[in-house]
Amino acid sequence: MEPHIHLVDSKGNNPQPTTAITQRLLQFEAEIRDQASDMELLYHIANESRSLLNFDQAFVLKRQGAVDDMKVNTVSSVAVVDRNTPAIRWIERLIVSLSQDVDLGKTHEFKSLAYADKQDPETNEYPFIHMLWVPMKQRDGSCFGGILLTRTLAWPQAERLLAERLASTYSHAWMAFTPRWKDRRKPRFTQTQKRIAIISLIAIMLIPVRLSVLAPVRVVAERPFILSAPTNGVIEHIHVPPNAQVKQGQLIVTMEDVLLRNDAAMATEKLKVAAVRYERATNAAFTDQDAARDIAIIKSEFHLAEAEAAYAQGILERAQLRAPQDGIAVYSDRRDWEGRPVSVGEHIVEIADPKKVEFIIELPLRDLIEINPEAEVTVYLDNAPLNAVSAKVARSSYHSSRLPDGREAFLLAATPTGEDNNIRIGAHGSARVYGDRVPLIYRILRRPIAAMRQGIGL
């Protein structure tokens, strides 16, 4: 005869032989494999397992991050779990209290009064005081949840073994519904570790860092000499190509001078006429009293003609613009200027020293920060992105300017602090302008805070 182990239900009757339990267990495991979803599986755990384990109420819990953070997922005979009910919260606090005394990765039988809060009304109202915690484990052996079984009678060893067997089968089935990326072991942090992490994060956020902004930059000549149109006219020819090296006194621009030559010739002829009249009047003044009286007027007319001739000759000479110093000729293209009418004072060509440059930084309005005099600047030019150029702010505008592309920006002028002769006038790039030291959290949240203020109007 095969020995029989008798299992007693929660009411102390209906003993079942081991062979019947074994057959029922095999059939039960087949039913578990037939579950179509994790929701059906959880319902099966909380309700259908009563036929084998003889409990009065079952709770299925799942870990939510920390080891002791177990949340009720399913309750027997309850369709939808309301997490705000006192009973559910009482169960979750009970498991937290249990985890502080024992390892939740092992099966434990206990009474609710041993770990429940004596002041909680649920402690005295809950009728099923004999509880059995059965862990549910992942493939690596870590506990990801558990089944809390409750009833009015104590749990014999045989039923504990049967509960562990079922929990193992349920765990395997639950893992089958869990994607691989969710099946990885989550980091386990204690409350102390959480507090240390929060304090460390706050300390990191308060670390002082340099506030800085990025802005477009272009290289221009520092104090170039500007050749401008001496009078209204048309540019006839530019004698040097763009960015060409020029010497002092070299001819740079020639303007059409037909009218200027005519004006100079007419002024010269008028001067000759005035000189002859003045000479005749001077000679006649010795014998003619009337001529002596007109000599002052004729002399003034002579000086006026002399001034007009000098002015016309000066304008004619200025029609040829020459370099006032050594440097390079900075302008766009000959085709943009030759044959083009210009007004008096209009800029045509810059004569710049290639060794004396400065950076013009176009700081957008949304990136405006407090910039101190001689603030540090790091420039990265597009033609040499790996070579940073150090500079300092020389001056800044007090109001924004509209750029040719329609953007509004504050213009900063920075001068290089090193002796780098490879900086090419006309180059473009990006500049990082540094301000004062601020907490790291302010640097991270500066733009979101500014955007929020602009959006809500505070």
Protein backbone atom coordinates (compact mmCIF):
# COMPACT_ATOMS: atom_id res chain seq x y z
CA MET A 1 0.00 0.00 0.00
CA GLU A 2 1.27 3.50 -0.94
CA PRO A 3 1.37 5.82 2.11
CA HIS A 4 -1.02 8.74 1.99
CA ILE A 5 -0.48 12.29 3.20
CA HIS A 6 -3.70 13.92 4.25
CA LEU A 7 -4.23 17.66 3.59
CA VAL A 8 -6.78 19.50 5.67
CA ASP A 9 -8.68 22.46 4.28
CA SER A 10 -9.32 25.74 6.08
CA LYS A 11 -12.32 24.26 7.92
CA GLY A 12 -10.44 21.22 9.14
CA ASN A 13 -12.24 18.60 7.02
CA ASN A 14 -12.27 17.00 3.54
CA PRO A 15 -8.94 15.20 3.71
CA GLN A 16 -7.43 14.41 0.26
CA PRO A 17 -4.92 11.61 -0.39
CA THR A 18 -1.54 12.47 -1.91
CA THR A 19 -2.26 10.55 -5.13
CA ALA A 20 -5.33 12.69 -5.75
CA ILE A 21 -3.38 15.81 -4.99
CA THR A 22 -0.64 14.74 -7.41
CA GLN A 23 -3.16 14.16 -10.19
CA ARG A 24 -4.83 17.47 -9.46
CA LEU A 25 -1.42 19.22 -9.41
CA LEU A 26 -0.49 17.84 -12.84
CA GLN A 27 -3.86 18.93 -14.23
CA PHE A 28 -3.46 22.30 -12.54
CA GLU A 29 -0.04 22.92 -14.13
CA ALA A 30 -1.52 22.10 -17.52
CA GLU A 31 -4.21 24.72 -16.91
CA ILE A 32 -1.53 27.27 -16.03
CA ARG A 33 0.22 26.72 -19.36
CA ASP A 34 -3.08 27.29 -21.16
CA GLN A 35 -3.55 30.83 -19.82
CA ALA A 36 -3.67 33.33 -22.70
CA SER A 37 -2.46 36.50 -20.92
CA ASP A 38 -0.85 37.69 -17.75
CA MET A 39 -4.21 39.05 -16.50
CA GLU A 40 -5.81 35.64 -16.86
CA LEU A 41 -2.81 34.10 -15.12
CA LEU A 42 -3.08 36.48 -12.14
CA TYR A 43 -6.80 35.73 -11.85
CA HIS A 44 -5.97 32.00 -11.91
CA ILE A 45 -3.41 32.47 -9.11
CA ALA A 46 -5.79 34.35 -6.84
CA ASN A 47 -8.90 32.24 -7.41
CA GLU A 48 -8.39 28.83 -9.03
CA SER A 49 -5.52 27.81 -6.74
CA ARG A 50 -8.00 27.69 -3.82
CA SER A 51 -8.95 24.17 -4.86
CA LEU A 52 -5.43 22.96 -3.94
CA LEU A 53 -4.23 25.29 -1.22
CA ASN A 54 -7.42 25.67 0.83
CA PHE A 55 -6.99 29.39 1.66
CA ASP A 56 -9.66 31.92 2.53
CA GLN A 57 -8.13 34.91 0.71
CA ALA A 58 -5.11 35.37 -1.54
CA PHE A 59 -3.15 38.46 -2.56
CA VAL A 60 -0.75 38.56 -5.52
CA LEU A 61 1.96 41.22 -5.09
CA LYS A 62 4.68 42.48 -7.43
CA ARG A 63 7.85 44.41 -6.67
CA GLN A 64 7.92 48.04 -7.85
CA GLY A 65 11.60 48.93 -7.71
CA ALA A 66 12.98 48.33 -4.21
CA VAL A 67 12.99 44.87 -2.64
CA ASP A 68 10.54 45.87 0.09
CA ASP A 69 8.26 47.84 -2.24
CA MET A 70 5.58 45.27 -2.95
CA LYS A 71 2.26 46.39 -4.45
CA VAL A 72 -0.95 44.35 -4.49
CA ASN A 73 -1.76 43.35 -8.06
CA THR A 74 -4.66 40.92 -7.71
CA VAL A 75 -6.98 39.83 -4.87
CA SER A 76 -9.12 36.69 -4.81
CA SER A 77 -12.83 37.19 -5.48
CA VAL A 78 -12.21 40.84 -6.45
CA ALA A 79 -12.49 41.89 -10.08
CA VAL A 80 -10.72 45.27 -9.82
CA VAL A 81 -8.23 46.18 -7.09
CA ASP A 82 -8.73 49.64 -5.57
CA ARG A 83 -5.34 50.66 -4.25
CA ASN A 84 -6.82 53.33 -1.99
CA THR A 85 -8.86 50.97 0.16
CA PRO A 86 -7.64 50.56 3.79
CA ALA A 87 -7.38 46.76 3.46
CA ILE A 88 -5.02 46.92 0.46
CA ARG A 89 -2.81 49.52 2.11
CA TRP A 90 -2.77 47.46 5.31
CA ILE A 91 -1.57 44.39 3.39
CA GLU A 92 1.20 46.36 1.66
CA ARG A 93 2.39 47.85 4.96
CA LEU A 94 2.29 44.37 6.47
CA ILE A 95 4.65 43.05 3.76
CA VAL A 96 7.01 46.02 4.28
CA SER A 97 7.15 45.22 7.97
CA LEU A 98 7.76 41.55 7.18
CA SER A 99 10.62 42.40 4.78
CA GLN A 100 12.45 44.24 7.54
CA ASP A 101 12.58 41.07 9.61
CA VAL A 102 12.92 38.22 7.11
CA ASP A 103 14.05 37.58 3.55
CA LEU A 104 11.10 37.84 1.16
CA GLY A 105 12.91 35.48 -1.20
CA LYS A 106 11.96 32.59 1.12
CA THR A 107 8.62 31.09 2.22
CA HIS A 108 7.42 32.34 5.62
CA GLU A 109 4.44 31.43 7.79
CA PHE A 110 3.43 34.07 10.32
CA LYS A 111 0.50 35.62 12.13
CA SER A 112 -0.73 39.04 11.08
CA LEU A 113 -0.54 40.34 14.65
CA ALA A 114 3.23 39.83 14.66
CA TYR A 115 3.92 42.42 11.94
CA ALA A 116 0.78 44.55 11.67
CA ASP A 117 0.38 47.94 13.28
CA LYS A 118 -1.53 47.47 16.52
CA GLN A 119 -3.08 50.93 16.17
CA ASP A 120 -4.48 50.21 12.71
CA PRO A 121 -8.21 49.28 12.81
CA GLU A 122 -7.64 46.72 10.05
CA THR A 123 -5.39 44.71 12.35
CA ASN A 124 -8.32 43.80 14.62
CA GLU A 125 -10.93 43.64 11.87
CA TYR A 126 -9.14 41.29 9.47
CA PRO A 127 -10.39 37.77 10.32
CA PHE A 128 -7.71 35.54 8.72
CA ILE A 129 -4.70 35.81 10.98
CA HIS A 130 -2.66 32.78 9.76
CA MET A 131 -0.66 33.93 6.73
CA LEU A 132 1.74 32.24 4.36
CA TRP A 133 4.14 34.28 2.20
CA VAL A 134 5.28 32.37 -0.91
CA PRO A 135 7.86 34.19 -3.10
CA MET A 136 7.78 34.28 -6.88
CA LYS A 137 11.26 34.30 -8.40
CA GLN A 138 12.86 35.21 -11.71
CA ARG A 139 15.16 32.96 -13.69
CA ASP A 140 18.20 34.28 -11.81
CA GLY A 141 16.60 33.47 -8.43
CA SER A 142 15.72 37.04 -7.46
CA CYS A 143 12.29 37.70 -5.96
CA PHE A 144 10.05 39.85 -8.15
CA GLY A 145 6.78 39.25 -6.27
CA GLY A 146 4.87 36.81 -4.14
CA ILE A 147 1.58 35.26 -3.08
CA LEU A 148 0.16 36.03 0.34
CA LEU A 149 -2.27 33.29 1.45
CA THR A 150 -4.47 33.84 4.50
CA ARG A 151 -6.86 31.63 6.48
CA THR A 152 -8.04 30.92 10.02
CA LEU A 153 -5.98 27.72 10.59
CA ALA A 154 -2.23 27.18 10.66
CA TRP A 155 -0.35 25.97 7.59
CA PRO A 156 1.03 22.41 7.75
CA GLN A 157 4.36 21.54 6.10
CA ALA A 158 2.73 19.60 3.25
CA GLU A 159 0.63 22.54 2.13
CA ARG A 160 3.65 24.84 2.35
CA LEU A 161 5.55 22.56 -0.03
CA LEU A 162 2.57 22.45 -2.38
CA ALA A 163 2.32 26.28 -2.32
CA GLU A 164 6.02 26.59 -3.18
CA ARG A 165 5.55 24.18 -6.10
CA LEU A 166 2.62 26.17 -7.46
CA ALA A 167 4.46 29.49 -6.96
CA SER A 168 7.39 28.15 -8.99
CA THR A 169 5.06 27.15 -11.82
CA TYR A 170 3.23 30.48 -11.69
CA SER A 171 6.54 32.38 -11.69
CA HIS A 172 7.70 30.56 -14.81
CA ALA A 173 4.39 31.30 -16.55
CA TRP A 174 4.45 34.96 -15.51
CA MET A 175 8.00 35.36 -16.82
CA ALA A 176 6.85 33.93 -20.15
CA PHE A 177 4.48 36.91 -20.49
CA THR A 178 7.23 39.38 -19.56
CA PRO A 179 9.48 40.74 -22.37
CA ARG A 180 13.16 39.98 -22.07
CA TRP A 181 14.10 43.63 -21.51
CA LYS A 182 11.74 43.77 -18.54
CA ASP A 183 13.07 40.50 -17.20
CA ARG A 184 16.43 41.95 -16.32
CA ARG A 185 17.21 42.25 -12.71
CA LYS A 186 16.40 45.71 -11.49
CA PRO A 187 18.75 47.48 -9.11
CA ARG A 188 17.77 47.07 -5.52
CA PHE A 189 18.14 50.11 -3.32
CA THR A 190 17.46 50.41 0.35
CA GLN A 191 15.90 53.49 1.90
CA THR A 192 19.32 54.59 3.13
CA GLN A 193 20.78 54.25 -0.34
CA LYS A 194 17.88 56.25 -1.75
CA ARG A 195 18.47 59.05 0.77
CA ILE A 196 22.20 59.08 -0.02
CA ALA A 197 21.44 59.23 -3.75
CA ILE A 198 19.01 62.14 -3.28
CA ILE A 199 21.46 64.07 -1.09
CA SER A 200 24.27 63.42 -3.58
CA LEU A 201 22.08 64.61 -6.46
CA ILE A 202 21.21 67.80 -4.58
CA ALA A 203 24.89 68.39 -3.81
CA ILE A 204 25.80 67.88 -7.48
CA MET A 205 23.08 70.29 -8.58
CA LEU A 206 24.55 72.95 -6.27
CA ILE A 207 28.10 72.65 -7.64
CA PRO A 208 29.14 76.07 -9.00
CA VAL A 209 29.92 76.03 -12.74
CA ARG A 210 30.71 78.70 -15.30
CA LEU A 211 27.63 80.02 -17.07
CA SER A 212 28.30 80.19 -20.80
CA VAL A 213 26.44 80.64 -24.09
CA LEU A 214 27.20 79.83 -27.71
CA ALA A 215 26.79 82.42 -30.46
CA PRO A 216 27.83 82.91 -34.10
CA VAL A 217 31.07 84.83 -34.63
CA ARG A 218 32.87 86.43 -37.57
CA VAL A 219 36.38 87.79 -37.91
CA VAL A 220 36.78 91.45 -38.92
CA ALA A 221 39.71 93.85 -39.07
CA GLU A 222 40.49 95.92 -36.01
CA ARG A 223 40.25 99.63 -36.88
CA PRO A 224 40.63 99.34 -40.69
CA PHE A 225 41.08 102.39 -42.95
CA ILE A 226 38.01 102.81 -45.13
CA LEU A 227 38.23 104.09 -48.70
CA SER A 228 34.91 105.82 -49.41
CA ALA A 229 33.52 107.65 -52.43
CA PRO A 230 34.78 111.27 -52.44
CA THR A 231 31.79 112.44 -54.49
CA ASN A 232 28.77 111.14 -56.32
CA GLY A 233 29.94 109.14 -59.31
CA VAL A 234 30.56 105.76 -60.89
CA ILE A 235 33.39 103.34 -60.07
CA GLU A 236 35.42 102.74 -63.19
CA HIS A 237 37.95 100.14 -62.00
CA ILE A 238 39.31 98.46 -58.88
CA HIS A 239 42.99 97.70 -59.43
CA VAL A 240 43.54 94.96 -56.81
CA PRO A 241 41.65 91.71 -56.22
CA PRO A 242 39.88 90.99 -52.90
CA ASN A 243 42.18 90.22 -49.95
CA ALA A 244 45.26 91.24 -51.96
CA GLN A 245 48.31 92.62 -50.19
CA VAL A 246 48.76 96.36 -50.92
CA LYS A 247 51.44 98.94 -50.15
CA GLN A 248 51.04 102.48 -48.89
CA GLY A 249 50.32 104.84 -51.79
CA GLN A 250 49.28 102.06 -54.21
CA LEU A 251 46.37 102.90 -56.53
CA ILE A 252 43.27 100.98 -55.41
CA VAL A 253 40.14 102.50 -56.98
CA THR A 254 39.63 104.73 -60.01
CA MET A 255 36.34 106.53 -60.48
CA GLU A 256 35.01 107.86 -63.78
CA ASP A 257 36.42 111.43 -63.96
CA VAL A 258 35.08 112.90 -67.21
CA LEU A 259 32.93 115.44 -65.42
CA LEU A 260 35.62 116.04 -62.84
CA ARG A 261 38.25 116.74 -65.54
CA ASN A 262 35.83 119.09 -67.30
CA ASP A 263 35.12 120.89 -64.04
CA ALA A 264 38.84 121.16 -63.34
CA ALA A 265 39.55 122.45 -66.88
CA MET A 266 36.78 125.02 -66.64
CA ALA A 267 37.98 126.12 -63.23
CA THR A 268 41.52 126.49 -64.62
CA GLU A 269 40.32 128.61 -67.53
CA LYS A 270 38.27 130.79 -65.20
CA LEU A 271 41.38 131.21 -63.07
CA LYS A 272 43.39 132.30 -66.13
CA VAL A 273 40.72 134.86 -67.10
CA ALA A 274 40.56 136.17 -63.55
CA ALA A 275 44.38 136.43 -63.45
CA VAL A 276 44.51 138.44 -66.67
CA ARG A 277 41.76 140.79 -65.48
CA TYR A 278 43.51 141.24 -62.16
CA GLU A 279 46.83 141.99 -63.89
CA ARG A 280 45.21 144.51 -66.26
CA ALA A 281 43.36 146.20 -63.43
CA THR A 282 46.58 146.46 -61.43
CA ASN A 283 48.44 148.11 -64.31
CA ALA A 284 45.56 150.49 -65.07
CA ALA A 285 45.20 151.58 -61.47
CA PHE A 286 48.32 153.80 -61.80
CA THR A 287 46.68 156.04 -64.47
CA ASP A 288 42.92 155.41 -64.21
CA GLN A 289 41.14 156.41 -61.01
CA ASP A 290 38.07 154.29 -61.85
CA ALA A 291 40.24 151.18 -62.37
CA ALA A 292 41.81 151.77 -58.97
CA ARG A 293 38.38 151.68 -57.36
CA ASP A 294 37.49 148.30 -59.03
CA ILE A 295 40.77 146.57 -58.23
CA ALA A 296 39.47 145.19 -54.88
CA ILE A 297 36.50 143.49 -56.58
CA ILE A 298 38.69 142.09 -59.37
CA LYS A 299 41.17 140.78 -56.77
CA SER A 300 38.38 138.97 -54.89
CA GLU A 301 37.15 137.40 -58.11
CA PHE A 302 40.69 136.21 -58.81
CA HIS A 303 41.02 134.58 -55.37
CA LEU A 304 37.56 132.97 -55.79
CA ALA A 305 38.57 131.50 -59.17
CA GLU A 306 41.82 130.34 -57.62
CA ALA A 307 39.93 128.51 -54.84
CA GLU A 308 37.49 126.94 -57.27
CA ALA A 309 40.37 125.69 -59.44
CA ALA A 310 42.15 124.23 -56.39
CA TYR A 311 38.92 122.51 -55.24
CA ALA A 312 38.23 121.07 -58.70
CA GLN A 313 41.81 119.81 -58.98
CA GLY A 314 41.58 118.27 -55.51
CA ILE A 315 38.36 116.46 -56.36
CA LEU A 316 39.95 115.22 -59.60
CA GLU A 317 42.95 113.87 -57.68
CA ARG A 318 40.69 112.16 -55.16
CA ALA A 319 38.96 110.28 -57.96
CA GLN A 320 41.93 107.94 -57.68
CA LEU A 321 41.82 106.28 -54.24
CA ARG A 322 45.19 105.13 -52.94
CA ALA A 323 46.11 102.95 -49.96
CA PRO A 324 46.94 105.10 -46.91
CA GLN A 325 48.83 102.22 -45.24
CA ASP A 326 50.14 98.74 -45.84
CA GLY A 327 47.62 95.92 -45.48
CA ILE A 328 45.09 93.90 -47.44
CA ALA A 329 42.19 95.16 -49.53
CA VAL A 330 38.93 93.87 -48.06
CA TYR A 331 35.82 93.97 -50.25
CA SER A 332 33.39 91.53 -51.85
CA ASP A 333 34.03 91.28 -55.62
CA ARG A 334 35.07 93.50 -58.49
CA ARG A 335 31.92 92.68 -60.40
CA ASP A 336 29.85 94.02 -57.52
CA TRP A 337 31.50 97.45 -57.76
CA GLU A 338 32.83 98.23 -61.22
CA GLY A 339 30.29 100.32 -63.15
CA ARG A 340 28.20 100.87 -60.05
CA PRO A 341 27.09 104.41 -59.10
CA VAL A 342 28.00 105.40 -55.57
CA SER A 343 27.11 108.30 -53.32
CA VAL A 344 29.55 110.52 -51.52
CA GLY A 345 30.83 108.85 -48.35
CA GLU A 346 29.77 105.32 -49.39
CA HIS A 347 32.26 102.64 -48.23
CA ILE A 348 34.03 100.84 -51.06
CA VAL A 349 37.19 99.11 -49.82
CA GLU A 350 38.78 98.56 -46.41
CA ILE A 351 42.55 98.58 -46.00
CA ALA A 352 43.18 96.34 -43.00
CA ASP A 353 46.18 95.00 -41.16
CA PRO A 354 45.79 91.17 -41.27
CA LYS A 355 47.63 90.86 -37.95
CA LYS A 356 45.15 93.10 -36.12
CA VAL A 357 41.77 91.37 -36.00
CA GLU A 358 38.80 91.18 -33.68
CA PHE A 359 35.78 88.93 -33.31
CA ILE A 360 32.23 90.21 -33.72
CA ILE A 361 29.92 87.95 -31.69
CA GLU A 362 26.20 87.96 -32.53
CA LEU A 363 24.57 87.03 -29.22
CA PRO A 364 20.86 86.10 -29.68
CA LEU A 365 18.33 87.76 -27.42
CA ARG A 366 17.26 84.48 -25.82
CA ASP A 367 20.88 83.70 -24.83
CA LEU A 368 21.66 87.03 -23.23
CA ILE A 369 23.50 86.66 -19.92
CA GLU A 370 25.33 89.09 -17.68
CA ILE A 371 28.74 89.60 -19.28
CA ASN A 372 31.48 91.31 -17.32
CA PRO A 373 34.12 93.56 -18.96
CA GLU A 374 36.98 91.50 -20.39
CA ALA A 375 34.94 88.31 -20.01
CA GLU A 376 36.59 85.17 -21.35
CA VAL A 377 35.68 83.96 -24.84
CA THR A 378 36.64 80.77 -26.67
CA VAL A 379 36.31 80.93 -30.46
CA TYR A 380 36.04 77.91 -32.77
CA LEU A 381 36.40 78.91 -36.41
CA ASP A 382 34.93 76.79 -39.18
CA ASN A 383 38.23 76.65 -41.08
CA ALA A 384 40.02 75.28 -37.98
CA PRO A 385 37.38 73.61 -35.74
CA LEU A 386 39.95 71.75 -33.63
CA ASN A 387 41.98 74.85 -32.74
CA ALA A 388 40.31 77.00 -30.12
CA VAL A 389 41.27 80.69 -29.98
CA SER A 390 41.21 82.48 -26.63
CA ALA A 391 39.87 86.02 -26.53
CA LYS A 392 38.34 88.57 -24.18
CA VAL A 393 35.39 90.92 -24.56
CA ALA A 394 36.51 94.42 -25.52
CA ARG A 395 33.12 96.13 -25.81
CA SER A 396 29.44 95.27 -26.05
CA SER A 397 26.31 97.00 -27.31
CA TYR A 398 23.69 98.21 -24.88
CA HIS A 399 20.81 97.54 -27.25
CA SER A 400 20.09 94.87 -29.84
CA SER A 401 20.72 95.31 -33.55
CA ARG A 402 18.89 93.86 -36.52
CA LEU A 403 21.18 91.68 -38.61
CA PRO A 404 20.96 91.39 -42.43
CA ASP A 405 19.12 88.06 -42.11
CA GLY A 406 16.41 89.63 -39.92
CA ARG A 407 17.60 88.31 -36.54
CA GLU A 408 17.87 90.49 -33.46
CA ALA A 409 21.12 90.16 -31.55
CA PHE A 410 23.48 91.94 -29.19
CA LEU A 411 26.89 92.58 -30.78
CA LEU A 412 30.03 91.89 -28.75
CA ALA A 413 33.55 92.70 -29.89
CA ALA A 414 36.33 90.45 -28.59
CA THR A 415 40.07 90.64 -29.16
CA PRO A 416 42.35 87.58 -29.24
CA THR A 417 44.63 87.24 -26.24
CA GLY A 418 47.28 85.13 -27.98
CA GLU A 419 49.47 85.77 -30.99
CA ASP A 420 47.83 83.62 -33.63
CA ASN A 421 48.70 84.84 -37.15
CA ASN A 422 46.48 82.22 -38.83
CA ILE A 423 43.20 84.00 -38.09
CA ARG A 424 41.78 85.01 -41.44
CA ILE A 425 39.63 88.11 -41.84
CA GLY A 426 36.16 87.09 -43.02
CA ALA A 427 36.19 83.68 -41.30
CA HIS A 428 33.09 82.51 -39.44
CA GLY A 429 32.51 80.10 -36.59
CA SER A 430 31.08 79.78 -33.07
CA ALA A 431 32.10 81.51 -29.87
CA ARG A 432 31.49 80.47 -26.27
CA VAL A 433 31.12 83.47 -24.00
CA TYR A 434 31.62 82.85 -20.28
CA GLY A 435 29.76 84.61 -17.48
CA ASP A 436 29.76 84.27 -13.70
CA ARG A 437 29.68 81.04 -11.74
CA VAL A 438 26.18 79.72 -10.99
CA PRO A 439 24.76 76.46 -9.53
CA LEU A 440 24.65 73.59 -12.00
CA ILE A 441 20.85 73.31 -11.72
CA TYR A 442 20.48 76.96 -12.78
CA ARG A 443 22.62 76.37 -15.85
CA ILE A 444 20.51 73.34 -16.79
CA LEU A 445 17.13 75.00 -16.17
CA ARG A 446 17.93 78.55 -17.35
CA ARG A 447 16.43 78.16 -20.82
CA PRO A 448 13.33 76.18 -19.72
CA ILE A 449 12.63 78.76 -17.01
CA ALA A 450 13.02 81.62 -19.52
CA ALA A 451 10.77 79.87 -22.03
CA MET A 452 8.15 79.21 -19.34
CA ARG A 453 8.20 82.82 -18.21
CA GLN A 454 7.75 84.03 -21.76
CA GLY A 455 4.93 81.54 -22.29
CA ILE A 456 2.91 82.26 -19.14
CA GLY A 457 3.89 85.92 -18.80
CA LEU A 458 5.41 85.83 -15.30
